[in-house]
Amino acid sequence: MKKLIQISIIIILSLGLTYHLLRIAFPITYIVDCTQANKITNISDTFISAIGDPSAKEAEIIAQRYITKAFCLNDLKGDNSFSPKAYLFNGSNLSSKYQIVGYHGAGFRSPGNLQVKFDNGTFLNFCFSMMVINCNQAQECDCPHDFNWEPKPK
């Protein structure tokens, strides 16, 4: 019985690791659906910025909704549920196809962040929940420890 439990744990961990590695190796390509842009009432349904950072899945959903509104409606302000400052880009810098290429949870004195790569080459870094930085245009793209800092253009 003990051996069966150990084998089960190893199989579960192996499957989880395989899933995680495949998501990194083969990111999903998302396509913006502008018919949904006006239907988005809240960019975030569950994430509360005053409490902490979103999970990886919540961050993906927030980024998808934000990108849809930014690309289709040129709305970079967000709403009362998610309103980051947009640095060094506007809606025309984005394209309708993108991939989420990285997520890092919050660390000591640094926010969680999500990286998005568009098929036109634009690379955005979502620093939850304070700012979104266009890494192609910024001198520094890492999320800051101090939110009084602002990205400088190249």
N, C-alpha and C. Protein backbone atom coordinates (compact mmCIF):
# COMPACT_ATOMS: atom_id res chain seq x y z
N MET A 1 0.83 -1.20 0.00
CA MET A 1 0.00 0.00 0.00
C MET A 1 0.87 1.26 0.00
N LYS A 2 1.93 1.25 0.80
CA LYS A 2 2.83 2.39 0.88
C LYS A 2 3.49 2.65 -0.48
N LYS A 3 3.86 1.58 -1.16
CA LYS A 3 4.51 1.66 -2.47
C LYS A 3 3.54 2.27 -3.49
N LEU A 4 2.27 1.87 -3.42
CA LEU A 4 1.25 2.38 -4.33
C LEU A 4 1.04 3.89 -4.15
N ILE A 5 1.05 4.34 -2.93
CA ILE A 5 0.91 5.77 -2.64
C ILE A 5 2.10 6.55 -3.19
N GLN A 6 3.30 6.01 -3.01
CA GLN A 6 4.50 6.68 -3.52
C GLN A 6 4.47 6.76 -5.04
N ILE A 7 4.08 5.69 -5.71
CA ILE A 7 4.00 5.69 -7.17
C ILE A 7 2.95 6.68 -7.64
N SER A 8 1.81 6.73 -6.96
CA SER A 8 0.75 7.68 -7.32
C SER A 8 1.23 9.12 -7.20
N ILE A 9 1.95 9.43 -6.14
CA ILE A 9 2.48 10.78 -5.94
C ILE A 9 3.47 11.13 -7.05
N ILE A 10 4.33 10.21 -7.40
CA ILE A 10 5.32 10.45 -8.46
C ILE A 10 4.61 10.68 -9.80
N ILE A 11 3.59 9.91 -10.10
CA ILE A 11 2.85 10.08 -11.35
C ILE A 11 2.17 11.44 -11.39
N ILE A 12 1.53 11.82 -10.31
CA ILE A 12 0.84 13.12 -10.26
C ILE A 12 1.84 14.27 -10.42
N LEU A 13 2.95 14.21 -9.74
CA LEU A 13 3.97 15.26 -9.86
C LEU A 13 4.55 15.30 -11.28
N SER A 14 4.76 14.14 -11.87
CA SER A 14 5.29 14.07 -13.23
C SER A 14 4.33 14.68 -14.24
N LEU A 15 3.05 14.38 -14.09
CA LEU A 15 2.04 14.95 -14.99
C LEU A 15 1.97 16.47 -14.84
N GLY A 16 2.02 16.96 -13.62
CA GLY A 16 2.00 18.40 -13.38
C GLY A 16 3.21 19.09 -13.98
N LEU A 17 4.36 18.51 -13.82
CA LEU A 17 5.59 19.07 -14.38
C LEU A 17 5.54 19.05 -15.91
N THR A 18 5.07 17.96 -16.48
CA THR A 18 4.95 17.85 -17.93
C THR A 18 4.01 18.92 -18.48
N TYR A 19 2.86 19.11 -17.84
CA TYR A 19 1.90 20.13 -18.26
C TYR A 19 2.54 21.51 -18.21
N HIS A 20 3.24 21.82 -17.13
CA HIS A 20 3.88 23.13 -16.97
C HIS A 20 4.95 23.34 -18.05
N LEU A 21 5.77 22.35 -18.31
CA LEU A 21 6.83 22.47 -19.32
C LEU A 21 6.26 22.60 -20.73
N LEU A 22 5.18 21.90 -21.03
CA LEU A 22 4.56 22.02 -22.34
C LEU A 22 3.96 23.40 -22.56
N ARG A 23 3.39 23.98 -21.52
CA ARG A 23 2.84 25.34 -21.64
C ARG A 23 3.94 26.35 -21.92
N ILE A 24 5.11 26.15 -21.35
CA ILE A 24 6.24 27.05 -21.60
C ILE A 24 6.78 26.82 -23.02
N ALA A 25 6.95 25.57 -23.41
CA ALA A 25 7.53 25.25 -24.71
C ALA A 25 6.60 25.59 -25.86
N PHE A 26 5.31 25.44 -25.67
CA PHE A 26 4.32 25.68 -26.72
C PHE A 26 3.22 26.61 -26.21
N PRO A 27 3.50 27.93 -26.14
CA PRO A 27 2.48 28.84 -25.63
C PRO A 27 1.27 28.92 -26.57
N ILE A 28 0.12 29.15 -25.98
CA ILE A 28 -1.13 29.26 -26.73
C ILE A 28 -1.16 30.61 -27.43
N THR A 29 -1.58 30.63 -28.70
CA THR A 29 -1.77 31.89 -29.41
C THR A 29 -3.23 32.30 -29.24
N TYR A 30 -3.42 33.51 -28.72
CA TYR A 30 -4.75 34.06 -28.53
C TYR A 30 -5.06 35.03 -29.67
N ILE A 31 -6.33 35.11 -30.05
CA ILE A 31 -6.77 36.05 -31.08
C ILE A 31 -7.81 36.96 -30.45
N VAL A 32 -7.60 38.28 -30.59
CA VAL A 32 -8.52 39.26 -30.00
C VAL A 32 -9.85 39.21 -30.74
N ASP A 33 -10.94 39.15 -29.99
CA ASP A 33 -12.29 39.15 -30.54
C ASP A 33 -12.95 40.49 -30.22
N CYS A 34 -12.95 41.39 -31.20
CA CYS A 34 -13.47 42.74 -30.96
C CYS A 34 -14.98 42.76 -30.76
N THR A 35 -15.69 41.69 -31.12
CA THR A 35 -17.13 41.67 -30.87
C THR A 35 -17.41 41.58 -29.37
N GLN A 36 -16.42 41.15 -28.60
CA GLN A 36 -16.59 41.01 -27.15
C GLN A 36 -16.16 42.26 -26.37
N ALA A 37 -15.50 43.20 -27.03
CA ALA A 37 -14.90 44.34 -26.32
C ALA A 37 -15.93 45.16 -25.54
N ASN A 38 -17.06 45.45 -26.14
CA ASN A 38 -18.09 46.26 -25.46
C ASN A 38 -18.83 45.48 -24.39
N LYS A 39 -18.71 44.16 -24.42
CA LYS A 39 -19.40 43.32 -23.43
C LYS A 39 -18.60 43.15 -22.14
N ILE A 40 -17.35 43.59 -22.15
CA ILE A 40 -16.51 43.44 -20.95
C ILE A 40 -16.92 44.53 -19.95
N THR A 41 -17.54 44.12 -18.86
CA THR A 41 -17.97 45.10 -17.86
C THR A 41 -16.86 45.37 -16.85
N ASN A 42 -16.20 44.32 -16.39
CA ASN A 42 -15.06 44.46 -15.48
C ASN A 42 -13.89 43.69 -16.06
N ILE A 43 -12.72 44.30 -16.05
CA ILE A 43 -11.54 43.59 -16.51
C ILE A 43 -11.20 42.48 -15.54
N SER A 44 -11.40 42.73 -14.26
CA SER A 44 -11.14 41.72 -13.24
C SER A 44 -12.41 41.46 -12.44
N ASP A 45 -12.76 40.18 -12.33
CA ASP A 45 -13.94 39.82 -11.54
C ASP A 45 -13.58 39.51 -10.09
N THR A 46 -12.38 38.98 -9.87
CA THR A 46 -12.04 38.49 -8.53
C THR A 46 -10.82 39.15 -7.93
N PHE A 47 -9.91 39.66 -8.74
CA PHE A 47 -8.66 40.23 -8.25
C PHE A 47 -8.89 41.58 -7.60
N ILE A 48 -8.37 41.75 -6.40
CA ILE A 48 -8.47 43.03 -5.69
C ILE A 48 -7.03 43.51 -5.46
N SER A 49 -6.66 44.60 -6.12
CA SER A 49 -5.26 45.03 -6.13
C SER A 49 -4.73 45.39 -4.74
N ALA A 50 -5.59 45.83 -3.84
CA ALA A 50 -5.13 46.22 -2.52
C ALA A 50 -4.72 45.01 -1.68
N ILE A 51 -5.17 43.83 -2.06
CA ILE A 51 -4.89 42.64 -1.26
C ILE A 51 -3.63 41.91 -1.73
N GLY A 52 -3.32 41.93 -2.99
CA GLY A 52 -2.14 41.22 -3.47
C GLY A 52 -2.14 41.06 -4.96
N ASP A 53 -1.43 40.07 -5.44
CA ASP A 53 -1.32 39.82 -6.87
C ASP A 53 -2.20 38.65 -7.28
N PRO A 54 -2.62 38.66 -8.56
CA PRO A 54 -3.48 37.57 -9.03
C PRO A 54 -2.68 36.28 -9.25
N SER A 55 -3.39 35.18 -9.25
CA SER A 55 -2.77 33.91 -9.61
C SER A 55 -2.45 33.94 -11.10
N ALA A 56 -1.73 32.95 -11.58
CA ALA A 56 -1.36 32.91 -13.01
C ALA A 56 -2.60 32.90 -13.89
N LYS A 57 -3.60 32.10 -13.54
CA LYS A 57 -4.83 32.02 -14.35
C LYS A 57 -5.60 33.34 -14.31
N GLU A 58 -5.72 33.94 -13.13
CA GLU A 58 -6.39 35.24 -13.02
C GLU A 58 -5.65 36.30 -13.83
N ALA A 59 -4.32 36.27 -13.77
CA ALA A 59 -3.51 37.24 -14.51
C ALA A 59 -3.74 37.09 -16.02
N GLU A 60 -3.85 35.86 -16.51
CA GLU A 60 -4.11 35.64 -17.93
C GLU A 60 -5.46 36.23 -18.34
N ILE A 61 -6.48 36.00 -17.54
CA ILE A 61 -7.82 36.51 -17.84
C ILE A 61 -7.82 38.03 -17.84
N ILE A 62 -7.18 38.63 -16.85
CA ILE A 62 -7.10 40.09 -16.76
C ILE A 62 -6.37 40.65 -17.98
N ALA A 63 -5.25 40.05 -18.35
CA ALA A 63 -4.48 40.51 -19.51
C ALA A 63 -5.30 40.37 -20.79
N GLN A 64 -6.01 39.26 -20.96
CA GLN A 64 -6.83 39.06 -22.15
C GLN A 64 -7.90 40.15 -22.28
N ARG A 65 -8.57 40.44 -21.19
CA ARG A 65 -9.62 41.47 -21.22
C ARG A 65 -9.03 42.85 -21.45
N TYR A 66 -7.91 43.15 -20.80
CA TYR A 66 -7.26 44.45 -20.97
C TYR A 66 -6.80 44.63 -22.42
N ILE A 67 -6.18 43.60 -22.98
CA ILE A 67 -5.71 43.66 -24.37
C ILE A 67 -6.87 43.83 -25.33
N THR A 68 -7.98 43.13 -25.10
CA THR A 68 -9.15 43.27 -25.96
C THR A 68 -9.65 44.71 -25.97
N LYS A 69 -9.78 45.31 -24.78
CA LYS A 69 -10.24 46.71 -24.72
C LYS A 69 -9.22 47.67 -25.31
N ALA A 70 -7.94 47.41 -25.07
CA ALA A 70 -6.89 48.30 -25.59
C ALA A 70 -6.83 48.23 -27.11
N PHE A 71 -6.86 47.02 -27.67
CA PHE A 71 -6.73 46.85 -29.12
C PHE A 71 -7.99 47.31 -29.84
N CYS A 72 -9.16 46.91 -29.38
CA CYS A 72 -10.41 47.18 -30.09
C CYS A 72 -10.97 48.57 -29.84
N LEU A 73 -10.85 49.05 -28.61
CA LEU A 73 -11.47 50.34 -28.24
C LEU A 73 -10.44 51.43 -27.96
N ASN A 74 -9.15 51.10 -28.07
CA ASN A 74 -8.05 52.01 -27.73
C ASN A 74 -8.22 52.56 -26.31
N ASP A 75 -8.72 51.71 -25.42
CA ASP A 75 -8.95 52.07 -24.02
C ASP A 75 -7.81 51.50 -23.18
N LEU A 76 -6.85 52.34 -22.84
CA LEU A 76 -5.69 51.90 -22.06
C LEU A 76 -5.86 52.18 -20.57
N LYS A 77 -6.94 52.86 -20.19
CA LYS A 77 -7.13 53.22 -18.79
C LYS A 77 -7.62 52.07 -17.93
N GLY A 78 -8.29 51.12 -18.54
CA GLY A 78 -8.87 50.04 -17.76
C GLY A 78 -10.18 50.48 -17.12
N ASP A 79 -10.48 49.96 -15.95
CA ASP A 79 -11.71 50.32 -15.25
C ASP A 79 -11.45 50.30 -13.74
N ASN A 80 -12.52 50.34 -12.96
CA ASN A 80 -12.33 50.40 -11.50
C ASN A 80 -11.78 49.09 -10.92
N SER A 81 -11.81 48.00 -11.69
CA SER A 81 -11.29 46.73 -11.18
C SER A 81 -9.82 46.51 -11.54
N PHE A 82 -9.34 47.17 -12.59
CA PHE A 82 -7.95 47.05 -13.03
C PHE A 82 -7.61 48.27 -13.87
N SER A 83 -6.79 49.15 -13.33
CA SER A 83 -6.48 50.39 -14.05
C SER A 83 -4.99 50.73 -13.96
N PRO A 84 -4.17 50.00 -14.70
CA PRO A 84 -2.73 50.28 -14.68
C PRO A 84 -2.39 51.48 -15.55
N LYS A 85 -1.23 52.07 -15.33
CA LYS A 85 -0.73 53.11 -16.21
C LYS A 85 -0.07 52.41 -17.40
N ALA A 86 -0.38 52.89 -18.60
CA ALA A 86 0.22 52.33 -19.81
C ALA A 86 1.46 53.16 -20.16
N TYR A 87 2.60 52.51 -20.27
CA TYR A 87 3.85 53.22 -20.57
C TYR A 87 4.38 52.83 -21.94
N LEU A 88 4.59 53.86 -22.76
CA LEU A 88 5.30 53.76 -24.03
C LEU A 88 4.57 52.92 -25.08
N PHE A 89 3.24 52.91 -25.04
CA PHE A 89 2.48 52.25 -26.10
C PHE A 89 1.06 52.80 -26.13
N ASN A 90 0.38 52.52 -27.26
CA ASN A 90 -1.04 52.80 -27.38
C ASN A 90 -1.68 51.62 -28.11
N GLY A 91 -2.97 51.69 -28.33
CA GLY A 91 -3.69 50.57 -28.93
C GLY A 91 -3.16 50.18 -30.30
N SER A 92 -2.63 51.13 -31.05
CA SER A 92 -2.13 50.83 -32.39
C SER A 92 -0.82 50.05 -32.37
N ASN A 93 -0.12 50.00 -31.24
CA ASN A 93 1.10 49.20 -31.13
C ASN A 93 0.79 47.71 -30.98
N LEU A 94 -0.45 47.39 -30.66
CA LEU A 94 -0.84 46.01 -30.42
C LEU A 94 -1.33 45.37 -31.70
N SER A 95 -1.44 44.06 -31.71
CA SER A 95 -2.02 43.35 -32.85
C SER A 95 -3.04 42.34 -32.34
N SER A 96 -3.75 41.72 -33.25
CA SER A 96 -4.85 40.84 -32.83
C SER A 96 -4.39 39.47 -32.37
N LYS A 97 -3.13 39.11 -32.60
CA LYS A 97 -2.63 37.81 -32.16
C LYS A 97 -1.50 38.01 -31.15
N TYR A 98 -1.55 37.24 -30.07
CA TYR A 98 -0.53 37.34 -29.03
C TYR A 98 -0.39 36.03 -28.28
N GLN A 99 0.72 35.92 -27.56
CA GLN A 99 0.98 34.76 -26.71
C GLN A 99 1.40 35.25 -25.33
N ILE A 100 0.95 34.56 -24.31
CA ILE A 100 1.41 34.83 -22.95
C ILE A 100 2.66 33.98 -22.77
N VAL A 101 3.80 34.64 -22.60
CA VAL A 101 5.07 33.92 -22.61
C VAL A 101 5.71 33.79 -21.22
N GLY A 102 5.14 34.40 -20.21
CA GLY A 102 5.73 34.25 -18.88
C GLY A 102 4.87 34.84 -17.79
N TYR A 103 4.98 34.24 -16.62
CA TYR A 103 4.30 34.75 -15.43
C TYR A 103 5.23 34.54 -14.25
N HIS A 104 5.36 35.57 -13.42
CA HIS A 104 6.14 35.46 -12.19
C HIS A 104 5.30 36.02 -11.06
N GLY A 105 5.13 35.22 -10.03
CA GLY A 105 4.38 35.67 -8.86
C GLY A 105 5.16 36.74 -8.11
N ALA A 106 4.49 37.37 -7.20
CA ALA A 106 5.12 38.43 -6.42
C ALA A 106 6.26 37.87 -5.59
N GLY A 107 7.29 38.68 -5.48
CA GLY A 107 8.44 38.32 -4.65
C GLY A 107 8.61 39.37 -3.57
N PHE A 108 9.72 39.33 -2.90
CA PHE A 108 9.99 40.30 -1.85
C PHE A 108 10.06 41.69 -2.47
N ARG A 109 9.15 42.56 -2.08
CA ARG A 109 9.08 43.95 -2.54
C ARG A 109 8.94 44.10 -4.06
N SER A 110 8.49 43.08 -4.76
CA SER A 110 8.25 43.23 -6.19
C SER A 110 6.91 42.60 -6.54
N PRO A 111 6.20 43.23 -7.45
CA PRO A 111 4.86 42.74 -7.80
C PRO A 111 4.93 41.53 -8.73
N GLY A 112 3.82 40.84 -8.84
CA GLY A 112 3.73 39.79 -9.83
C GLY A 112 3.68 40.43 -11.21
N ASN A 113 4.11 39.68 -12.22
CA ASN A 113 4.05 40.23 -13.56
C ASN A 113 3.78 39.13 -14.58
N LEU A 114 3.25 39.56 -15.72
CA LEU A 114 2.89 38.66 -16.81
C LEU A 114 3.44 39.27 -18.09
N GLN A 115 4.13 38.47 -18.91
CA GLN A 115 4.70 38.97 -20.15
C GLN A 115 3.88 38.46 -21.33
N VAL A 116 3.63 39.39 -22.27
CA VAL A 116 2.82 39.08 -23.44
C VAL A 116 3.58 39.50 -24.69
N LYS A 117 3.67 38.60 -25.67
CA LYS A 117 4.36 38.87 -26.94
C LYS A 117 3.33 38.85 -28.06
N PHE A 118 3.27 39.94 -28.84
CA PHE A 118 2.34 40.06 -29.96
C PHE A 118 3.02 39.62 -31.24
N ASP A 119 2.23 39.21 -32.24
CA ASP A 119 2.83 38.73 -33.48
C ASP A 119 3.50 39.84 -34.28
N ASN A 120 3.24 41.10 -33.95
CA ASN A 120 3.93 42.21 -34.62
C ASN A 120 5.24 42.58 -33.91
N GLY A 121 5.59 41.83 -32.86
CA GLY A 121 6.85 42.05 -32.17
C GLY A 121 6.73 42.84 -30.87
N THR A 122 5.61 43.47 -30.61
CA THR A 122 5.43 44.22 -29.37
C THR A 122 5.48 43.26 -28.19
N PHE A 123 6.20 43.67 -27.14
CA PHE A 123 6.36 42.85 -25.94
C PHE A 123 5.93 43.67 -24.74
N LEU A 124 4.85 43.27 -24.08
CA LEU A 124 4.33 44.00 -22.92
C LEU A 124 4.63 43.24 -21.63
N ASN A 125 4.90 43.99 -20.58
CA ASN A 125 5.07 43.42 -19.25
C ASN A 125 4.00 44.03 -18.35
N PHE A 126 3.07 43.20 -17.88
CA PHE A 126 2.03 43.64 -16.96
C PHE A 126 2.59 43.55 -15.55
N CYS A 127 2.75 44.69 -14.89
CA CYS A 127 3.21 44.73 -13.49
C CYS A 127 1.97 44.96 -12.64
N PHE A 128 1.45 43.92 -12.03
CA PHE A 128 0.17 44.02 -11.33
C PHE A 128 0.33 44.85 -10.08
N SER A 129 -0.56 45.72 -9.90
CA SER A 129 -1.60 46.21 -10.79
C SER A 129 -1.34 47.67 -11.15
N MET A 130 -0.10 48.01 -11.15
CA MET A 130 0.27 49.42 -11.29
C MET A 130 0.54 49.87 -12.72
N MET A 131 1.18 49.05 -13.53
CA MET A 131 1.59 49.53 -14.85
C MET A 131 1.72 48.41 -15.85
N VAL A 132 1.65 48.82 -17.14
CA VAL A 132 1.93 47.94 -18.26
C VAL A 132 3.01 48.64 -19.07
N ILE A 133 4.14 47.95 -19.30
CA ILE A 133 5.29 48.56 -19.96
C ILE A 133 5.51 47.92 -21.32
N ASN A 134 5.72 48.75 -22.34
CA ASN A 134 6.12 48.26 -23.66
C ASN A 134 7.63 48.05 -23.61
N CYS A 135 8.06 46.81 -23.52
CA CYS A 135 9.49 46.51 -23.36
C CYS A 135 10.31 46.85 -24.60
N ASN A 136 9.66 46.96 -25.77
CA ASN A 136 10.38 47.33 -26.98
C ASN A 136 10.85 48.79 -26.93
N GLN A 137 10.16 49.62 -26.17
CA GLN A 137 10.45 51.05 -26.14
C GLN A 137 11.10 51.52 -24.85
N ALA A 138 11.10 50.69 -23.83
CA ALA A 138 11.61 51.10 -22.51
C ALA A 138 13.08 50.73 -22.34
N GLN A 139 13.82 51.58 -21.63
CA GLN A 139 15.21 51.27 -21.30
C GLN A 139 15.28 50.07 -20.37
N GLU A 140 14.33 50.00 -19.43
CA GLU A 140 14.28 48.93 -18.45
C GLU A 140 12.86 48.38 -18.41
N CYS A 141 12.73 47.07 -18.42
CA CYS A 141 11.40 46.48 -18.53
C CYS A 141 10.97 45.73 -17.28
N ASP A 142 11.85 45.53 -16.34
CA ASP A 142 11.50 44.82 -15.11
C ASP A 142 10.49 45.64 -14.31
N CYS A 143 9.62 44.93 -13.61
CA CYS A 143 8.68 45.62 -12.73
C CYS A 143 9.45 46.25 -11.57
N PRO A 144 9.13 47.47 -11.25
CA PRO A 144 9.90 48.17 -10.22
C PRO A 144 9.54 47.75 -8.81
N HIS A 145 10.50 47.92 -7.92
CA HIS A 145 10.24 47.73 -6.49
C HIS A 145 9.56 48.97 -5.94
N ASP A 146 9.83 50.11 -6.56
CA ASP A 146 9.33 51.41 -6.12
C ASP A 146 8.41 51.96 -7.20
N PHE A 147 7.14 52.08 -6.92
CA PHE A 147 6.20 52.52 -7.94
C PHE A 147 6.21 54.03 -8.15
N ASN A 148 7.16 54.75 -7.57
CA ASN A 148 7.37 56.15 -7.93
C ASN A 148 8.25 56.22 -9.18
N TRP A 149 8.89 55.10 -9.53
CA TRP A 149 9.73 54.99 -10.71
C TRP A 149 8.87 54.92 -11.95
N GLU A 150 9.30 55.56 -13.03
CA GLU A 150 8.60 55.47 -14.30
C GLU A 150 9.57 55.02 -15.38
N PRO A 151 9.13 54.15 -16.28
CA PRO A 151 10.00 53.69 -17.36
C PRO A 151 10.42 54.85 -18.26
N LYS A 152 11.65 54.80 -18.71
CA LYS A 152 12.19 55.82 -19.62
C LYS A 152 12.29 55.22 -21.02
N PRO A 153 12.01 56.02 -22.06
CA PRO A 153 12.14 55.49 -23.42
C PRO A 153 13.60 55.23 -23.79
N LYS A 154 13.78 54.34 -24.74
CA LYS A 154 15.14 54.01 -25.22
C LYS A 154 15.73 55.19 -25.96
